[in-house]
N, C-alpha and C. Protein backbone atom coordinates (compact mmCIF):
# COMPACT_ATOMS: atom_id res chain seq x y z
N MET A 1 112.47 28.09 124.47
CA MET A 1 111.19 28.49 124.93
C MET A 1 110.16 28.17 123.66
N GLU A 2 109.27 27.71 123.81
CA GLU A 2 108.07 27.62 122.64
C GLU A 2 107.12 28.48 123.03
N ARG A 3 106.53 29.17 122.09
CA ARG A 3 105.52 29.98 122.17
C ARG A 3 104.22 29.64 121.46
N GLY A 4 103.89 28.38 120.47
CA GLY A 4 103.01 28.11 120.13
C GLY A 4 102.41 29.03 118.68
N SER A 5 103.33 29.77 118.44
CA SER A 5 102.98 30.66 116.96
C SER A 5 104.74 29.95 116.12
N ASP A 6 103.92 29.17 114.74
CA ASP A 6 105.05 28.91 113.94
C ASP A 6 104.82 29.83 112.58
N LYS A 7 104.18 30.94 112.71
CA LYS A 7 104.01 32.01 111.97
C LYS A 7 105.06 32.54 111.75
N HIS A 8 105.31 33.21 113.13
CA HIS A 8 106.57 34.47 113.03
C HIS A 8 107.85 34.06 114.05
N GLY A 9 108.78 34.43 114.13
CA GLY A 9 109.56 34.07 115.27
C GLY A 9 109.44 34.99 116.47
N ALA A 10 110.08 34.73 117.57
CA ALA A 10 110.55 35.06 119.06
C ALA A 10 110.38 36.89 118.96
N ARG A 11 111.40 37.10 117.92
CA ARG A 11 111.68 38.75 117.77
C ARG A 11 110.54 39.19 117.32
N GLN A 12 109.81 38.96 116.32
CA GLN A 12 108.90 39.94 115.80
C GLN A 12 107.21 39.43 116.84
N ASP A 13 107.18 38.57 117.81
CA ASP A 13 106.25 38.39 118.72
C ASP A 13 106.61 39.12 119.40
N ASP A 14 107.73 39.70 120.19
CA ASP A 14 107.98 40.58 120.94
C ASP A 14 107.49 41.97 120.16
N ALA A 15 108.13 42.40 119.13
CA ALA A 15 107.80 43.68 118.19
C ALA A 15 106.36 43.74 118.37
N MET A 16 105.56 42.94 117.81
CA MET A 16 104.05 43.15 118.00
C MET A 16 103.40 43.08 119.31
N ALA A 17 104.03 42.46 120.54
CA ALA A 17 103.50 42.91 121.72
C ALA A 17 103.83 44.72 121.98
N GLU A 18 105.03 44.88 121.65
CA GLU A 18 105.17 46.06 121.92
C GLU A 18 104.41 47.09 121.35
N GLU A 19 103.71 47.12 119.98
CA GLU A 19 102.97 47.93 119.17
C GLU A 19 101.56 47.72 120.18
N VAL A 20 101.09 46.77 120.76
CA VAL A 20 99.49 46.89 121.17
C VAL A 20 99.78 47.19 122.78
N GLU A 21 101.10 47.16 123.65
CA GLU A 21 101.25 47.39 124.65
C GLU A 21 100.39 48.75 125.20
N GLY A 22 100.34 49.62 124.47
CA GLY A 22 99.82 51.03 124.75
C GLY A 22 98.27 50.87 124.76
N MET A 23 97.59 50.13 123.86
CA MET A 23 96.05 49.97 123.67
C MET A 23 95.95 48.92 125.14
N LEU A 24 96.74 48.03 125.57
CA LEU A 24 96.42 46.92 126.28
C LEU A 24 96.29 47.63 127.84
N ARG A 25 97.65 48.62 127.99
CA ARG A 25 97.62 49.45 129.36
C ARG A 25 97.01 50.76 129.86
N GLY A 26 96.94 51.70 128.50
CA GLY A 26 96.51 52.53 128.76
C GLY A 26 94.99 52.78 128.85
N THR A 27 94.47 53.86 129.41
CA THR A 27 93.27 54.17 129.61
C THR A 27 92.69 55.03 128.66
N GLY A 28 93.38 55.71 128.00
CA GLY A 28 92.81 56.64 126.80
C GLY A 28 93.32 56.20 125.87
N PRO A 29 92.77 56.98 124.67
CA PRO A 29 93.63 56.47 123.02
C PRO A 29 95.07 57.11 123.19
N THR A 30 96.12 56.26 122.60
CA THR A 30 97.31 56.57 122.42
C THR A 30 97.53 57.41 121.08
N HIS A 31 98.94 58.02 121.09
CA HIS A 31 98.97 58.87 119.58
C HIS A 31 98.93 58.18 118.41
N ALA A 32 99.19 56.84 118.87
CA ALA A 32 99.29 56.04 117.49
C ALA A 32 98.03 55.65 117.11
N GLU A 33 96.96 55.90 117.81
CA GLU A 33 95.35 55.36 117.18
C GLU A 33 94.68 56.70 117.13
N GLU A 34 95.49 57.47 116.90
CA GLU A 34 94.67 59.07 116.71
C GLU A 34 93.62 59.49 115.79
N TRP A 35 94.07 58.53 114.53
CA TRP A 35 93.42 58.69 113.28
C TRP A 35 91.82 57.76 113.57
N LYS A 36 91.75 57.07 114.67
CA LYS A 36 90.53 56.03 114.81
C LYS A 36 89.53 56.78 115.22
N ASP A 37 89.80 58.14 116.08
CA ASP A 37 88.92 58.81 116.89
C ASP A 37 87.86 59.38 115.90
N PRO A 38 86.73 59.48 116.23
CA PRO A 38 85.66 60.20 115.37
C PRO A 38 86.08 61.57 115.23
N GLU A 39 85.53 62.30 114.13
CA GLU A 39 85.95 63.55 114.11
C GLU A 39 84.50 64.60 114.79
N PRO A 40 84.82 65.70 115.31
CA PRO A 40 83.16 66.29 116.37
C PRO A 40 82.78 66.79 115.11
N PRO A 41 81.43 66.82 115.22
CA PRO A 41 80.67 67.33 114.27
C PRO A 41 80.78 68.66 114.26
N ALA A 42 80.81 69.20 112.89
CA ALA A 42 80.95 70.53 112.48
C ALA A 42 79.80 71.44 112.92
N ASP A 43 80.19 73.16 112.90
CA ASP A 43 78.78 73.66 113.53
C ASP A 43 77.74 73.43 112.65
N ASP A 44 78.01 73.62 111.50
CA ASP A 44 76.70 73.44 110.32
C ASP A 44 75.87 72.24 110.08
N ASP A 45 76.50 70.94 111.00
CA ASP A 45 75.87 69.87 110.88
C ASP A 45 74.59 70.00 111.36
N PRO A 46 73.68 69.21 111.00
CA PRO A 46 72.23 69.14 111.64
C PRO A 46 72.60 68.31 112.79
N ALA A 47 71.51 68.57 113.93
CA ALA A 47 71.43 67.78 115.10
C ALA A 47 70.83 66.54 114.60
N ALA A 48 71.81 65.34 115.02
CA ALA A 48 71.19 63.94 114.96
C ALA A 48 70.00 63.40 116.10
N ASP A 49 68.94 62.52 115.91
CA ASP A 49 67.87 62.44 116.83
C ASP A 49 68.17 60.83 116.90
N PRO A 50 69.00 60.27 117.86
CA PRO A 50 69.25 59.01 118.14
C PRO A 50 67.99 58.20 117.94
N HIS A 51 66.93 58.64 117.86
CA HIS A 51 65.66 57.70 118.05
C HIS A 51 65.03 57.42 116.57
N ARG A 52 65.30 58.33 115.65
CA ARG A 52 64.96 58.82 114.08
C ARG A 52 65.89 58.20 113.33
N PRO A 53 65.70 57.02 112.20
CA PRO A 53 67.05 57.01 111.14
C PRO A 53 67.06 57.94 110.48
N GLN A 54 68.14 57.76 109.95
CA GLN A 54 68.58 59.19 109.09
C GLN A 54 68.30 58.57 107.60
N TYR A 55 67.47 59.41 106.75
CA TYR A 55 67.07 59.10 105.51
C TYR A 55 67.69 60.51 104.54
N PRO A 56 68.33 60.09 103.17
CA PRO A 56 68.37 61.10 102.45
C PRO A 56 67.27 61.55 102.02
N ASP A 57 67.16 62.76 101.58
CA ASP A 57 66.04 63.81 101.50
C ASP A 57 65.35 63.30 99.74
N HIS A 58 64.32 63.11 99.73
CA HIS A 58 63.73 62.42 98.51
C HIS A 58 62.97 63.67 98.00
N GLY A 59 63.16 64.89 98.16
CA GLY A 59 62.26 66.17 97.76
C GLY A 59 62.32 66.95 96.30
């Protein structure tokens, strides 16, 4: 069976497909991609105004 991939074999194709299956079928983040989730803001973080760009203080 020809897969159109000459960079790696069928076994590696299957392994790569298995790695991304959770991302393709799942509705939420998978345990494997937990590091990609942003951290929630800390209690002492200033509130960000989405309409105003954030610049460092020059004071």
